[in-house]
Amino acid sequence: MIELLGILLLVQGGGGLINRLLGSTNPSWFVQLHLLPPGMHVVASALMVAAGVVVLFAERARKQRRRSE
């Protein structure tokens, strides 16, 4: 379930970031583009990507620790 959260953060953040960097004005299905003011879109999307990476790597490390015990 934690992996799903990490993947969702990556997809939402990455997609929103690409959406804004390519100059689209349509928020599409990216949550942060609907909820936040336009000035925060790129920053919020980048933070979501970073959070997704952190969640996925932390879950991977936790699983590896359990296997080694």
Protein backbone atom coordinates (compact mmCIF):
# COMPACT_ATOMS: atom_id res chain seq x y z
CA MET A 1 0.00 0.00 0.00
CA ILE A 2 2.91 2.36 0.73
CA GLU A 3 4.28 1.65 -2.76
CA LEU A 4 0.97 2.79 -4.23
CA LEU A 5 1.27 6.12 -2.41
CA GLY A 6 4.81 6.59 -3.75
CA ILE A 7 3.74 5.76 -7.29
CA LEU A 8 0.75 8.11 -7.09
CA LEU A 9 2.97 10.93 -5.87
CA LEU A 10 5.42 10.31 -8.71
CA VAL A 11 2.71 10.18 -11.38
CA GLN A 12 0.80 13.22 -10.11
CA GLY A 13 3.95 15.26 -9.52
CA GLY A 14 5.72 14.25 -12.71
CA GLY A 15 2.65 14.72 -14.87
CA GLY A 16 1.84 18.09 -13.34
CA LEU A 17 5.43 19.21 -13.77
CA ILE A 18 5.50 18.19 -17.43
CA ASN A 19 2.09 19.80 -17.94
CA ARG A 20 3.35 23.16 -16.65
CA LEU A 21 6.82 23.05 -18.20
CA LEU A 22 5.31 22.44 -21.64
CA GLY A 23 3.09 25.49 -21.16
CA SER A 24 -0.32 23.88 -20.94
CA THR A 25 -3.00 25.91 -19.19
CA ASN A 26 -5.34 22.94 -18.78
CA PRO A 27 -5.00 21.35 -15.29
CA SER A 28 -5.97 17.95 -16.73
CA TRP A 29 -6.34 15.34 -13.96
CA PHE A 30 -3.41 16.51 -11.82
CA VAL A 31 -4.71 17.26 -8.33
CA GLN A 32 -2.23 19.96 -7.34
CA LEU A 33 -3.09 21.96 -10.49
CA HIS A 34 -6.73 22.08 -9.39
CA LEU A 35 -6.08 22.87 -5.72
CA LEU A 36 -3.17 25.32 -5.66
CA PRO A 37 -2.68 28.81 -7.12
CA PRO A 38 -0.79 28.86 -10.45
CA GLY A 39 2.39 30.28 -8.92
CA MET A 40 2.85 27.15 -6.82
CA HIS A 41 2.23 24.51 -9.51
CA VAL A 42 5.84 23.81 -10.54
CA VAL A 43 7.16 23.84 -6.97
CA ALA A 44 4.36 21.60 -5.68
CA SER A 45 4.82 19.17 -8.55
CA ALA A 46 8.58 18.95 -7.97
CA LEU A 47 8.01 18.37 -4.25
CA MET A 48 5.51 15.61 -5.02
CA VAL A 49 8.06 13.87 -7.26
CA ALA A 50 10.69 14.13 -4.53
CA ALA A 51 8.25 12.84 -1.90
CA GLY A 52 7.32 9.90 -4.13
CA VAL A 53 10.97 8.96 -4.59
CA VAL A 54 11.60 9.19 -0.84
CA VAL A 55 8.57 7.03 -0.03
CA LEU A 56 9.54 4.36 -2.56
CA PHE A 57 13.19 4.19 -1.48
CA ALA A 58 12.25 4.13 2.21
CA GLU A 59 9.82 1.27 1.63
CA ARG A 60 12.42 -0.62 -0.38
CA ALA A 61 14.99 -0.19 2.41
CA ARG A 62 12.46 -1.33 5.01
CA LYS A 63 11.73 -4.48 3.04
CA GLN A 64 15.41 -5.26 2.62
CA ARG A 65 16.00 -4.85 6.37
CA ARG A 66 13.20 -7.30 7.11
CA ARG A 67 14.68 -9.88 4.75
CA SER A 68 18.11 -9.66 6.36
CA GLU A 69 16.78 -10.26 9.89
